[in-house]
Amino acid sequence: MDRLADEVDRVVEEHGFSGVVRVDRREQPGLSTAFGLAERGFGIPNTLDTQFGVASATKGLTALAVMSLVSEGALALDTTARSLLRDDLPEIDETVTVEHLLAHRSGIGDYVDEEGGFDATDYVMTVPLHALATTAGYLRALSGRAAKFAPGEAFAYNNSGFVVLALLVERVTGSTFHDVVAQRVCGPAGMRDTAFLRSDELPARAARGYLTGDGLRTNVLHLPVCGTGDGGVYATVDDVHRLWDAVFDGRIIGLPWVAEMVRPRSDVPAEHRRYGLGFWLRQSGDGVLLEGYDAGVSFRSLHDRAAGVTFTVVSNTTDGAWPLAGFLEDRLLG
């Protein structure tokens, strides 16, 4: 591990990494190190306790919340979105199911279409950011978007699909989506420092997201003021590792349901990955991944229980995590 720490320091220095890295290997001492600044204007450093935005890694928590309801019979994988949406979002095909949404195989129109060729630091929101503070507030952003293909026909990464899942959760439970994630996912996992935080009132331990590796401009004008099913959670790296342990110990949902979530539904050659339900999977082997990318946010966490390896890299810059995360995946898993 000492040698790995030296190699990590080299990659950090070469790329000017700002964020936190944690590596755990079976029966070896762990590695946890923070680099760079959480708040550049006041020179506040990142620490191991800093809460970082994790962007689309939120989808894994959404999927776990949904599957906890499936495991109890409140939802089913073949429940149609229309049965709960009723008259909302009429563009969504009547046959789109919970499973289609979880697997990115729904074909519904996406309010942030990542195949559209835009840069992560572009201004892509089509509604006022302050309006995106509750899950219901996203209905305006999702509406009027034509389907891309028939349900089940193909894989297309889809942010709208996970917002729809959050809407379905709220309508089944009668609770806010944020509360459901806290109660059904974060609570059982012991994730005390994980929450949906408003970008306009970040607490002292939360890192600001910066658009570039230098400069002071943050992402506050690029993202919804508060996230929902597709993104917006803030977490510490320790909480992320607690999540992996809780998932694969069966403390959030039963292990047969976990196996269902990590069963490949699609090959995604462009990403050199496969996809299950809410989780990316390595092209081969048992590695399961969560990944997030947005203006001022880059995050990757990989857990391979068979290999005894878990690592998390999170950066409060748009592209900062990728060199170090790529190095660790190659170094630890080949």
C-alpha atoms as a PDB file:
ATOM      1  CA  MET A   1       0.000   0.000   0.000  1.00  0.00           C
ATOM      2  CA  ASP A   2       2.934   2.357   0.587  1.00  0.00           C
ATOM      3  CA  ARG A   3       3.970   1.891  -3.019  1.00  0.00           C
ATOM      4  CA  LEU A   4       0.406   2.541  -4.166  1.00  0.00           C
ATOM      5  CA  ALA A   5       0.300   5.723  -2.089  1.00  0.00           C
ATOM      6  CA  ASP A   6       3.454   6.976  -3.824  1.00  0.00           C
ATOM      7  CA  GLU A   7       1.928   6.208  -7.219  1.00  0.00           C
ATOM      8  CA  VAL A   8      -1.283   8.014  -6.284  1.00  0.00           C
ATOM      9  CA  ASP A   9       0.745  11.062  -5.212  1.00  0.00           C
ATOM     10  CA  ARG A  10       2.469  11.039  -8.608  1.00  0.00           C
ATOM     11  CA  VAL A  11      -0.843  10.987 -10.506  1.00  0.00           C
ATOM     12  CA  VAL A  12      -2.265  13.689  -8.248  1.00  0.00           C
ATOM     13  CA  GLU A  13       0.705  15.969  -8.832  1.00  0.00           C
ATOM     14  CA  GLU A  14       0.732  15.333 -12.566  1.00  0.00           C
ATOM     15  CA  HIS A  15      -2.945  16.221 -13.013  1.00  0.00           C
ATOM     16  CA  GLY A  16      -3.509  18.734 -10.216  1.00  0.00           C
ATOM     17  CA  PHE A  17      -6.212  16.573  -8.616  1.00  0.00           C
ATOM     18  CA  SER A  18      -8.592  18.199  -6.138  1.00  0.00           C
ATOM     19  CA  GLY A  19     -10.704  15.821  -4.094  1.00  0.00           C
ATOM     20  CA  VAL A  20     -10.452  12.650  -2.032  1.00  0.00           C
ATOM     21  CA  VAL A  21      -9.348   9.116  -2.805  1.00  0.00           C
ATOM     22  CA  ARG A  22      -9.944   6.020  -0.692  1.00  0.00           C
ATOM     23  CA  VAL A  23      -8.719   2.501  -1.475  1.00  0.00           C
ATOM     24  CA  ASP A  24      -9.477  -0.660   0.497  1.00  0.00           C
ATOM     25  CA  ARG A  25      -7.861  -4.008  -0.254  1.00  0.00           C
ATOM     26  CA  ARG A  26      -8.631  -7.225   1.559  1.00  0.00           C
ATOM     27  CA  GLU A  27      -6.454  -7.803   4.638  1.00  0.00           C
ATOM     28  CA  GLN A  28      -4.315  -4.731   3.925  1.00  0.00           C
ATOM     29  CA  PRO A  29      -4.240  -1.273   5.517  1.00  0.00           C
ATOM     30  CA  GLY A  30      -6.429   1.191   3.673  1.00  0.00           C
ATOM     31  CA  LEU A  31      -5.458   4.366   1.850  1.00  0.00           C
ATOM     32  CA  SER A  32      -7.443   7.588   2.374  1.00  0.00           C
ATOM     33  CA  THR A  33      -6.078  10.964   1.307  1.00  0.00           C
ATOM     34  CA  ALA A  34      -7.503  14.416   0.574  1.00  0.00           C
ATOM     35  CA  PHE A  35      -6.048  16.939  -1.870  1.00  0.00           C
ATOM     36  CA  GLY A  36      -6.814  20.463  -3.006  1.00  0.00           C
ATOM     37  CA  LEU A  37      -9.385  22.992  -1.833  1.00  0.00           C
ATOM     38  CA  ALA A  38     -13.062  22.640  -0.992  1.00  0.00           C
ATOM     39  CA  GLU A  39     -13.532  26.428  -1.131  1.00  0.00           C
ATOM     40  CA  ARG A  40     -10.929  28.273  -3.181  1.00  0.00           C
ATOM     41  CA  GLY A  41     -12.003  31.795  -2.305  1.00  0.00           C
ATOM     42  CA  PHE A  42     -11.191  31.247   1.361  1.00  0.00           C
ATOM     43  CA  GLY A  43      -8.496  28.598   0.946  1.00  0.00           C
ATOM     44  CA  ILE A  44     -10.452  25.888   2.792  1.00  0.00           C
ATOM     45  CA  PRO A  45      -8.886  22.463   2.134  1.00  0.00           C
ATOM     46  CA  ASN A  46     -10.637  19.245   1.227  1.00  0.00           C
ATOM     47  CA  THR A  47     -10.565  16.713   4.052  1.00  0.00           C
ATOM     48  CA  LEU A  48     -11.640  13.106   4.478  1.00  0.00           C
ATOM     49  CA  ASP A  49     -14.877  14.439   6.025  1.00  0.00           C
ATOM     50  CA  THR A  50     -15.717  16.756   3.130  1.00  0.00           C
ATOM     51  CA  GLN A  51     -19.103  16.162   1.493  1.00  0.00           C
ATOM     52  CA  PHE A  52     -18.833  16.083  -2.295  1.00  0.00           C
ATOM     53  CA  GLY A  53     -21.463  16.142  -4.983  1.00  0.00           C
ATOM     54  CA  VAL A  54     -21.564  12.723  -6.648  1.00  0.00           C
ATOM     55  CA  ALA A  55     -23.890  13.596  -9.581  1.00  0.00           C
ATOM     56  CA  SER A  56     -25.240  10.474 -11.306  1.00  0.00           C
ATOM     57  CA  ALA A  57     -23.896   8.110  -8.667  1.00  0.00           C
ATOM     58  CA  THR A  58     -27.192   9.117  -7.048  1.00  0.00           C
ATOM     59  CA  LYS A  59     -28.879   6.741  -9.498  1.00  0.00           C
ATOM     60  CA  GLY A  60     -27.553   3.800  -7.509  1.00  0.00           C
ATOM     61  CA  LEU A  61     -29.304   5.087  -4.378  1.00  0.00           C
ATOM     62  CA  THR A  62     -32.472   5.662  -6.386  1.00  0.00           C
ATOM     63  CA  ALA A  63     -32.347   2.115  -7.716  1.00  0.00           C
ATOM     64  CA  LEU A  64     -31.878   0.714  -4.199  1.00  0.00           C
ATOM     65  CA  ALA A  65     -34.839   2.723  -2.893  1.00  0.00           C
ATOM     66  CA  VAL A  66     -36.991   1.448  -5.753  1.00  0.00           C
ATOM     67  CA  MET A  67     -35.870  -2.150  -5.277  1.00  0.00           C
ATOM     68  CA  SER A  68     -36.599  -1.968  -1.548  1.00  0.00           C
ATOM     69  CA  LEU A  69     -40.202  -1.156  -2.493  1.00  0.00           C
ATOM     70  CA  VAL A  70     -40.184  -3.956  -5.070  1.00  0.00           C
ATOM     71  CA  SER A  71     -38.936  -6.404  -2.442  1.00  0.00           C
ATOM     72  CA  GLU A  72     -41.907  -5.455  -0.231  1.00  0.00           C
ATOM     73  CA  GLY A  73     -44.451  -5.694  -3.048  1.00  0.00           C
ATOM     74  CA  ALA A  74     -45.278  -1.977  -3.124  1.00  0.00           C
ATOM     75  CA  LEU A  75     -43.899  -1.887  -6.682  1.00  0.00           C
ATOM     76  CA  ALA A  76     -42.971  -4.573  -9.208  1.00  0.00           C
ATOM     77  CA  LEU A  77     -40.395  -4.545 -11.966  1.00  0.00           C
ATOM     78  CA  ASP A  78     -43.276  -4.806 -14.445  1.00  0.00           C
ATOM     79  CA  THR A  79     -45.276  -1.960 -12.881  1.00  0.00           C
ATOM     80  CA  THR A  80     -45.927   0.554 -15.625  1.00  0.00           C
ATOM     81  CA  ALA A  81     -44.994   4.186 -15.108  1.00  0.00           C
ATOM     82  CA  ARG A  82     -48.375   5.210 -16.506  1.00  0.00           C
ATOM     83  CA  SER A  83     -50.233   3.412 -13.708  1.00  0.00           C
ATOM     84  CA  LEU A  84     -48.799   5.950 -11.240  1.00  0.00           C
ATOM     85  CA  LEU A  85     -48.136   8.975 -13.457  1.00  0.00           C
ATOM     86  CA  ARG A  86     -51.787   9.035 -14.505  1.00  0.00           C
ATOM     87  CA  ASP A  87     -52.193  12.146 -16.704  1.00  0.00           C
ATOM     88  CA  ASP A  88     -48.688  13.493 -16.151  1.00  0.00           C
ATOM     89  CA  LEU A  89     -46.031  13.174 -18.879  1.00  0.00           C
ATOM     90  CA  PRO A  90     -48.364  11.790 -21.580  1.00  0.00           C
ATOM     91  CA  GLU A  91     -45.394  11.399 -23.968  1.00  0.00           C
ATOM     92  CA  ILE A  92     -44.200   8.366 -21.983  1.00  0.00           C
ATOM     93  CA  ASP A  93     -45.277   5.133 -23.644  1.00  0.00           C
ATOM     94  CA  GLU A  94     -47.992   3.172 -21.847  1.00  0.00           C
ATOM     95  CA  THR A  95     -45.760   0.078 -21.739  1.00  0.00           C
ATOM     96  CA  VAL A  96     -42.708   1.649 -20.044  1.00  0.00           C
ATOM     97  CA  THR A  97     -42.030  -0.286 -16.834  1.00  0.00           C
ATOM     98  CA  VAL A  98     -40.006   0.211 -13.686  1.00  0.00           C
ATOM     99  CA  GLU A  99     -37.464  -2.266 -15.054  1.00  0.00           C
ATOM    100  CA  HIS A 100     -37.128  -0.335 -18.332  1.00  0.00           C
ATOM    101  CA  LEU A 101     -36.434   2.845 -16.355  1.00  0.00           C
ATOM    102  CA  LEU A 102     -33.893   1.219 -14.033  1.00  0.00           C
ATOM    103  CA  ALA A 103     -32.035  -0.356 -16.961  1.00  0.00           C
ATOM    104  CA  HIS A 104     -31.976   2.783 -19.175  1.00  0.00           C
ATOM    105  CA  ARG A 105     -34.054   0.886 -21.734  1.00  0.00           C
ATOM    106  CA  SER A 106     -37.246   2.979 -21.585  1.00  0.00           C
ATOM    107  CA  GLY A 107     -36.578   5.073 -24.685  1.00  0.00           C
ATOM    108  CA  ILE A 108     -38.280   8.119 -23.176  1.00  0.00           C
ATOM    109  CA  GLY A 109     -37.104  11.609 -24.093  1.00  0.00           C
ATOM    110  CA  ASP A 110     -34.352  12.931 -21.842  1.00  0.00           C
ATOM    111  CA  TYR A 111     -34.349  16.408 -20.308  1.00  0.00           C
ATOM    112  CA  VAL A 112     -30.528  16.285 -20.179  1.00  0.00           C
ATOM    113  CA  ASP A 113     -29.645  14.127 -23.174  1.00  0.00           C
ATOM    114  CA  GLU A 114     -26.022  13.119 -22.707  1.00  0.00           C
ATOM    115  CA  GLU A 115     -25.873  11.879 -26.292  1.00  0.00           C
ATOM    116  CA  GLY A 116     -26.596  15.427 -27.468  1.00  0.00           C
ATOM    117  CA  GLY A 117     -22.935  16.389 -27.786  1.00  0.00           C
ATOM    118  CA  PHE A 118     -22.843  19.253 -25.268  1.00  0.00           C
ATOM    119  CA  ASP A 119     -20.002  19.979 -22.878  1.00  0.00           C
ATOM    120  CA  ALA A 120     -20.600  19.347 -19.189  1.00  0.00           C
ATOM    121  CA  THR A 121     -19.932  23.013 -18.432  1.00  0.00           C
ATOM    122  CA  ASP A 122     -22.511  24.297 -20.935  1.00  0.00           C
ATOM    123  CA  TYR A 123     -25.708  25.865 -19.615  1.00  0.00           C
ATOM    124  CA  VAL A 124     -28.152  23.082 -20.480  1.00  0.00           C
ATOM    125  CA  MET A 125     -31.108  23.571 -18.121  1.00  0.00           C
ATOM    126  CA  THR A 126     -34.282  24.619 -19.910  1.00  0.00           C
ATOM    127  CA  VAL A 127     -36.179  25.762 -16.815  1.00  0.00           C
ATOM    128  CA  PRO A 128     -35.106  28.099 -13.973  1.00  0.00           C
ATOM    129  CA  LEU A 129     -32.750  26.283 -11.628  1.00  0.00           C
ATOM    130  CA  HIS A 130     -34.610  27.436  -8.524  1.00  0.00           C
ATOM    131  CA  ALA A 131     -37.729  25.648  -9.790  1.00  0.00           C
ATOM    132  CA  LEU A 132     -35.892  22.321  -9.576  1.00  0.00           C
ATOM    133  CA  ALA A 133     -36.021  21.952  -5.804  1.00  0.00           C
ATOM    134  CA  THR A 134     -38.553  19.130  -5.419  1.00  0.00           C
ATOM    135  CA  THR A 135     -39.175  16.019  -7.487  1.00  0.00           C
ATOM    136  CA  ALA A 136     -42.557  17.325  -8.632  1.00  0.00           C
ATOM    137  CA  GLY A 137     -40.807  20.503  -9.753  1.00  0.00           C
ATOM    138  CA  TYR A 138     -39.042  18.481 -12.459  1.00  0.00           C
ATOM    139  CA  LEU A 139     -42.307  17.690 -14.294  1.00  0.00           C
ATOM    140  CA  ARG A 140     -42.005  20.921 -16.276  1.00  0.00           C
ATOM    141  CA  ALA A 141     -38.466  20.005 -17.395  1.00  0.00           C
ATOM    142  CA  LEU A 142     -39.476  16.458 -18.399  1.00  0.00           C
ATOM    143  CA  SER A 143     -42.676  17.264 -20.275  1.00  0.00           C
ATOM    144  CA  GLY A 144     -43.029  17.480 -24.047  1.00  0.00           C
ATOM    145  CA  ARG A 145     -40.035  15.274 -24.923  1.00  0.00           C
ATOM    146  CA  ALA A 146     -40.630  12.742 -27.671  1.00  0.00           C
ATOM    147  CA  ALA A 147     -39.592   9.111 -27.250  1.00  0.00           C
ATOM    148  CA  LYS A 148     -36.315   7.992 -28.848  1.00  0.00           C
ATOM    149  CA  PHE A 149     -37.263   4.337 -29.365  1.00  0.00           C
ATOM    150  CA  ALA A 150     -39.762   1.716 -28.233  1.00  0.00           C
ATOM    151  CA  PRO A 151     -39.458   0.473 -24.637  1.00  0.00           C
ATOM    152  CA  GLY A 152     -36.958  -2.361 -24.281  1.00  0.00           C
ATOM    153  CA  GLU A 153     -35.534  -1.918 -27.782  1.00  0.00           C
ATOM    154  CA  ALA A 154     -32.103  -0.516 -26.837  1.00  0.00           C
ATOM    155  CA  PHE A 155     -29.921   1.023 -24.110  1.00  0.00           C
ATOM    156  CA  ALA A 156     -29.688   4.799 -23.913  1.00  0.00           C
ATOM    157  CA  TYR A 157     -28.442   6.466 -20.749  1.00  0.00           C
ATOM    158  CA  ASN A 158     -31.366   8.510 -19.512  1.00  0.00           C
ATOM    159  CA  ASN A 159     -31.607  11.071 -16.719  1.00  0.00           C
ATOM    160  CA  SER A 160     -35.340  11.617 -17.119  1.00  0.00           C
ATOM    161  CA  GLY A 161     -35.959   7.937 -16.428  1.00  0.00           C
ATOM    162  CA  PHE A 162     -34.522   8.223 -12.927  1.00  0.00           C
ATOM    163  CA  VAL A 163     -36.507  11.380 -12.207  1.00  0.00           C
ATOM    164  CA  VAL A 164     -39.610   9.415 -13.221  1.00  0.00           C
ATOM    165  CA  LEU A 165     -38.572   6.659 -10.817  1.00  0.00           C
ATOM    166  CA  ALA A 166     -38.357   9.255  -8.028  1.00  0.00           C
ATOM    167  CA  LEU A 167     -41.867  10.425  -8.930  1.00  0.00           C
ATOM    168  CA  LEU A 168     -43.139   6.844  -8.765  1.00  0.00           C
ATOM    169  CA  VAL A 169     -41.520   6.373  -5.348  1.00  0.00           C
ATOM    170  CA  GLU A 170     -43.250   9.479  -4.020  1.00  0.00           C
ATOM    171  CA  ARG A 171     -46.627   8.404  -5.338  1.00  0.00           C
ATOM    172  CA  VAL A 172     -46.347   4.903  -3.887  1.00  0.00           C
ATOM    173  CA  THR A 173     -45.085   5.974  -0.467  1.00  0.00           C
ATOM    174  CA  GLY A 174     -46.701   9.378   0.056  1.00  0.00           C
ATOM    175  CA  SER A 175     -43.316  10.628   1.268  1.00  0.00           C
ATOM    176  CA  THR A 176     -40.754  12.873  -0.375  1.00  0.00           C
ATOM    177  CA  PHE A 177     -38.145  11.056  -2.431  1.00  0.00           C
ATOM    178  CA  HIS A 178     -35.382  12.578  -0.306  1.00  0.00           C
ATOM    179  CA  ASP A 179     -36.939  11.114   2.849  1.00  0.00           C
ATOM    180  CA  VAL A 180     -37.370   7.687   1.258  1.00  0.00           C
ATOM    181  CA  VAL A 181     -33.686   7.537   0.275  1.00  0.00           C
ATOM    182  CA  ALA A 182     -32.677   8.643   3.764  1.00  0.00           C
ATOM    183  CA  GLN A 183     -34.871   6.023   5.451  1.00  0.00           C
ATOM    184  CA  ARG A 184     -34.474   3.066   3.104  1.00  0.00           C
ATOM    185  CA  VAL A 185     -30.879   3.448   1.894  1.00  0.00           C
ATOM    186  CA  CYS A 186     -28.784   5.833   3.973  1.00  0.00           C
ATOM    187  CA  GLY A 187     -30.192   4.742   7.320  1.00  0.00           C
ATOM    188  CA  PRO A 188     -29.571   0.991   6.972  1.00  0.00           C
ATOM    189  CA  ALA A 189     -26.117   1.711   5.506  1.00  0.00           C
ATOM    190  CA  GLY A 190     -25.082   4.092   8.301  1.00  0.00           C
ATOM    191  CA  MET A 191     -24.498   6.909   5.799  1.00  0.00           C
ATOM    192  CA  ARG A 192     -24.829   9.795   8.228  1.00  0.00           C
ATOM    193  CA  ASP A 193     -23.072  12.344   6.002  1.00  0.00           C
ATOM    194  CA  THR A 194     -25.077  11.720   2.816  1.00  0.00           C
ATOM    195  CA  ALA A 195     -27.968  13.972   1.791  1.00  0.00           C
ATOM    196  CA  PHE A 196     -29.560  15.987  -0.987  1.00  0.00           C
ATOM    197  CA  LEU A 197     -28.144  19.452  -0.286  1.00  0.00           C
ATOM    198  CA  ARG A 198     -29.299  22.707  -1.852  1.00  0.00           C
ATOM    199  CA  SER A 199     -26.549  24.290  -3.922  1.00  0.00           C
ATOM    200  CA  ASP A 200     -27.477  27.766  -2.665  1.00  0.00           C
ATOM    201  CA  GLU A 201     -27.068  26.865   1.022  1.00  0.00           C
ATOM    202  CA  LEU A 202     -24.232  24.363   1.208  1.00  0.00           C
ATOM    203  CA  PRO A 203     -23.036  23.637   4.751  1.00  0.00           C
ATOM    204  CA  ALA A 204     -19.483  24.221   5.922  1.00  0.00           C
ATOM    205  CA  ARG A 205     -18.234  20.694   5.139  1.00  0.00           C
ATOM    206  CA  ALA A 206     -19.549  20.602   1.558  1.00  0.00           C
ATOM    207  CA  ALA A 207     -17.110  21.221  -1.291  1.00  0.00           C
ATOM    208  CA  ARG A 208     -17.984  23.770  -3.937  1.00  0.00           C
ATOM    209  CA  GLY A 209     -17.836  22.367  -7.459  1.00  0.00           C
ATOM    210  CA  TYR A 210     -15.464  24.212  -9.804  1.00  0.00           C
ATOM    211  CA  LEU A 211     -15.788  24.264 -13.571  1.00  0.00           C
ATOM    212  CA  THR A 212     -12.049  23.991 -14.201  1.00  0.00           C
ATOM    213  CA  GLY A 213      -8.886  22.977 -12.397  1.00  0.00           C
ATOM    214  CA  ASP A 214      -8.114  26.627 -11.732  1.00  0.00           C
ATOM    215  CA  GLY A 215     -10.249  29.725 -11.315  1.00  0.00           C
ATOM    216  CA  LEU A 216     -13.057  30.509  -8.896  1.00  0.00           C
ATOM    217  CA  ARG A 217     -16.199  29.934 -10.975  1.00  0.00           C
ATOM    218  CA  THR A 218     -18.462  27.337  -9.388  1.00  0.00           C
ATOM    219  CA  ASN A 219     -21.237  25.155 -10.815  1.00  0.00           C
ATOM    220  CA  VAL A 220     -24.052  26.903  -8.923  1.00  0.00           C
ATOM    221  CA  LEU A 221     -25.591  28.281 -12.158  1.00  0.00           C
ATOM    222  CA  HIS A 222     -25.345  24.960 -14.017  1.00  0.00           C
ATOM    223  CA  LEU A 223     -27.252  22.449 -11.894  1.00  0.00           C
ATOM    224  CA  PRO A 224     -30.681  22.156 -10.251  1.00  0.00           C
ATOM    225  CA  VAL A 225     -30.798  23.845  -6.872  1.00  0.00           C
ATOM    226  CA  CYS A 226     -31.604  20.461  -5.334  1.00  0.00           C
ATOM    227  CA  GLY A 227     -31.335  17.081  -6.987  1.00  0.00           C
ATOM    228  CA  THR A 228     -33.666  14.104  -7.177  1.00  0.00           C
ATOM    229  CA  GLY A 229     -33.570  10.592  -8.634  1.00  0.00           C
ATOM    230  CA  ASP A 230     -30.984  11.253 -11.331  1.00  0.00           C
ATOM    231  CA  GLY A 231     -28.403  13.202  -9.313  1.00  0.00           C
ATOM    232  CA  GLY A 232     -27.669  15.722  -6.605  1.00  0.00           C
ATOM    233  CA  VAL A 233     -26.584  13.699  -3.573  1.00  0.00           C
ATOM    234  CA  TYR A 234     -23.600  14.870  -1.515  1.00  0.00           C
ATOM    235  CA  ALA A 235     -21.584  12.234   0.350  1.00  0.00           C
ATOM    236  CA  THR A 236     -18.247  11.551   2.002  1.00  0.00           C
ATOM    237  CA  VAL A 237     -15.971   8.825   0.668  1.00  0.00           C
ATOM    238  CA  ASP A 238     -16.402   6.902   3.906  1.00  0.00           C
ATOM    239  CA  ASP A 239     -20.164   6.875   3.381  1.00  0.00           C
ATOM    240  CA  VAL A 240     -19.688   5.524  -0.131  1.00  0.00           C
ATOM    241  CA  HIS A 241     -17.693   2.603   1.262  1.00  0.00           C
ATOM    242  CA  ARG A 242     -20.383   2.041   3.891  1.00  0.00           C
ATOM    243  CA  LEU A 243     -22.879   1.846   1.029  1.00  0.00           C
ATOM    244  CA  TRP A 244     -20.952  -0.913  -0.757  1.00  0.00           C
ATOM    245  CA  ASP A 245     -20.660  -2.918   2.457  1.00  0.00           C
ATOM    246  CA  ALA A 246     -24.362  -2.514   3.228  1.00  0.00           C
ATOM    247  CA  VAL A 247     -25.474  -3.484  -0.290  1.00  0.00           C
ATOM    248  CA  PHE A 248     -23.418  -6.660  -0.470  1.00  0.00           C
ATOM    249  CA  ASP A 249     -24.153  -7.621   3.128  1.00  0.00           C
ATOM    250  CA  GLY A 250     -27.866  -7.520   2.299  1.00  0.00           C
ATOM    251  CA  ARG A 251     -28.670  -4.753   4.802  1.00  0.00           C
ATOM    252  CA  ILE A 252     -30.624  -2.568   2.354  1.00  0.00           C
ATOM    253  CA  ILE A 253     -32.354  -5.234   0.263  1.00  0.00           C
ATOM    254  CA  GLY A 254     -32.025  -9.009   0.308  1.00  0.00           C
ATOM    255  CA  LEU A 255     -29.102 -10.549  -1.527  1.00  0.00           C
ATOM    256  CA  PRO A 256     -31.319 -12.196  -4.207  1.00  0.00           C
ATOM    257  CA  TRP A 257     -32.526  -8.698  -5.102  1.00  0.00           C
ATOM    258  CA  VAL A 258     -28.937  -7.411  -5.143  1.00  0.00           C
ATOM    259  CA  ALA A 259     -28.081 -10.217  -7.575  1.00  0.00           C
ATOM    260  CA  GLU A 260     -30.971  -9.072  -9.767  1.00  0.00           C
ATOM    261  CA  MET A 261     -29.635  -5.513  -9.777  1.00  0.00           C
ATOM    262  CA  VAL A 262     -26.132  -6.527 -10.871  1.00  0.00           C
ATOM    263  CA  ARG A 263     -27.327  -8.967 -13.531  1.00  0.00           C
ATOM    264  CA  PRO A 264     -26.287  -7.429 -16.874  1.00  0.00           C
ATOM    265  CA  ARG A 265     -29.160  -6.043 -18.941  1.00  0.00           C
ATOM    266  CA  SER A 266     -27.088  -4.313 -21.629  1.00  0.00           C
ATOM    267  CA  ASP A 267     -23.631  -4.272 -23.143  1.00  0.00           C
ATOM    268  CA  VAL A 268     -22.429  -0.697 -23.593  1.00  0.00           C
ATOM    269  CA  PRO A 269     -19.356  -0.895 -25.869  1.00  0.00           C
ATOM    270  CA  ALA A 270     -18.906   2.875 -26.016  1.00  0.00           C
ATOM    271  CA  GLU A 271     -18.248   2.876 -22.257  1.00  0.00           C
ATOM    272  CA  HIS A 272     -16.440  -0.489 -22.187  1.00  0.00           C
ATOM    273  CA  ARG A 273     -19.020  -1.466 -19.569  1.00  0.00           C
ATOM    274  CA  ARG A 274     -22.229  -3.358 -19.036  1.00  0.00           C
ATOM    275  CA  TYR A 275     -25.298  -2.111 -17.179  1.00  0.00           C
ATOM    276  CA  GLY A 276     -27.637  -3.753 -14.690  1.00  0.00           C
ATOM    277  CA  LEU A 277     -30.334  -1.917 -12.731  1.00  0.00           C
ATOM    278  CA  GLY A 278     -28.935   1.384 -11.478  1.00  0.00           C
ATOM    279  CA  PHE A 279     -25.316   0.163 -11.502  1.00  0.00           C
ATOM    280  CA  TRP A 280     -22.573  -0.009 -14.100  1.00  0.00           C
ATOM    281  CA  LEU A 281     -20.705  -3.308 -14.371  1.00  0.00           C
ATOM    282  CA  ARG A 282     -17.187  -3.976 -15.599  1.00  0.00           C
ATOM    283  CA  GLN A 283     -16.961  -5.567 -19.030  1.00  0.00           C
ATOM    284  CA  SER A 284     -15.959  -8.829 -17.378  1.00  0.00           C
ATOM    285  CA  GLY A 285     -15.683 -10.095 -13.829  1.00  0.00           C
ATOM    286  CA  ASP A 286     -17.567  -9.005 -10.731  1.00  0.00           C
ATOM    287  CA  GLY A 287     -16.744  -5.304 -10.521  1.00  0.00           C
ATOM    288  CA  VAL A 288     -19.728  -3.001  -9.875  1.00  0.00           C
ATOM    289  CA  LEU A 289     -19.454   0.751 -10.364  1.00  0.00           C
ATOM    290  CA  LEU A 290     -21.133   4.013  -9.551  1.00  0.00           C
ATOM    291  CA  GLU A 291     -20.137   7.019 -11.619  1.00  0.00           C
ATOM    292  CA  GLY A 292     -21.062  10.677 -11.724  1.00  0.00           C
ATOM    293  CA  TYR A 293     -20.130  13.497 -14.069  1.00  0.00           C
ATOM    294  CA  ASP A 294     -21.407  17.021 -14.243  1.00  0.00           C
ATOM    295  CA  ALA A 295     -20.246  20.618 -14.176  1.00  0.00           C
ATOM    296  CA  GLY A 296     -17.900  20.768 -11.203  1.00  0.00           C
ATOM    297  CA  VAL A 297     -18.358  17.099 -10.286  1.00  0.00           C
ATOM    298  CA  SER A 298     -16.527  13.901 -11.229  1.00  0.00           C
ATOM    299  CA  PHE A 299     -16.872  10.665  -9.299  1.00  0.00           C
ATOM    300  CA  ARG A 300     -16.151   6.983  -9.706  1.00  0.00           C
ATOM    301  CA  SER A 301     -16.401   4.208  -7.147  1.00  0.00           C
ATOM    302  CA  LEU A 302     -15.730   0.548  -7.891  1.00  0.00           C
ATOM    303  CA  HIS A 303     -16.423  -2.455  -5.694  1.00  0.00           C
ATOM    304  CA  ASP A 304     -15.226  -5.962  -6.540  1.00  0.00           C
ATOM    305  CA  ARG A 305     -15.942  -8.252  -3.624  1.00  0.00           C
ATOM    306  CA  ALA A 306     -14.381 -11.290  -5.294  1.00  0.00           C
ATOM    307  CA  ALA A 307     -11.091  -9.410  -5.790  1.00  0.00           C
ATOM    308  CA  GLY A 308     -11.304  -7.775  -2.362  1.00  0.00           C
ATOM    309  CA  VAL A 309     -10.970  -4.279  -3.849  1.00  0.00           C
ATOM    310  CA  THR A 310     -13.001  -1.124  -3.321  1.00  0.00           C
ATOM    311  CA  PHE A 311     -11.924   2.352  -4.355  1.00  0.00           C
ATOM    312  CA  THR A 312     -13.565   5.742  -4.587  1.00  0.00           C
ATOM    313  CA  VAL A 313     -12.277   8.872  -6.302  1.00  0.00           C
ATOM    314  CA  VAL A 314     -14.288  12.074  -6.076  1.00  0.00           C
ATOM    315  CA  SER A 315     -13.277  15.497  -7.332  1.00  0.00           C
ATOM    316  CA  ASN A 316     -14.874  18.917  -7.051  1.00  0.00           C
ATOM    317  CA  THR A 317     -13.833  19.724 -10.626  1.00  0.00           C
ATOM    318  CA  THR A 318     -15.498  18.676 -13.850  1.00  0.00           C
ATOM    319  CA  ASP A 319     -12.894  16.184 -15.081  1.00  0.00           C
ATOM    320  CA  GLY A 320     -10.595  15.832 -12.102  1.00  0.00           C
ATOM    321  CA  ALA A 321     -11.438  12.277 -11.039  1.00  0.00           C
ATOM    322  CA  TRP A 322     -10.814  10.483 -14.330  1.00  0.00           C
ATOM    323  CA  PRO A 323      -6.990  10.196 -14.466  1.00  0.00           C
ATOM    324  CA  LEU A 324      -6.748   8.865 -10.920  1.00  0.00           C
ATOM    325  CA  ALA A 325      -9.794   6.591 -11.188  1.00  0.00           C
ATOM    326  CA  GLY A 326      -8.516   5.137 -14.448  1.00  0.00           C
ATOM    327  CA  PHE A 327      -5.092   4.552 -12.939  1.00  0.00           C
ATOM    328  CA  LEU A 328      -6.553   2.741  -9.915  1.00  0.00           C
ATOM    329  CA  GLU A 329      -8.798   0.494 -11.988  1.00  0.00           C
ATOM    330  CA  ASP A 330      -5.895  -0.555 -14.177  1.00  0.00           C
ATOM    331  CA  ARG A 331      -3.503  -0.895 -11.262  1.00  0.00           C
ATOM    332  CA  LEU A 332      -5.806  -2.857  -8.955  1.00  0.00           C
ATOM    333  CA  LEU A 333      -7.877  -4.938 -11.372  1.00  0.00           C
ATOM    334  CA  GLY A 334      -5.983  -4.935 -14.673  1.00  0.00           C
END
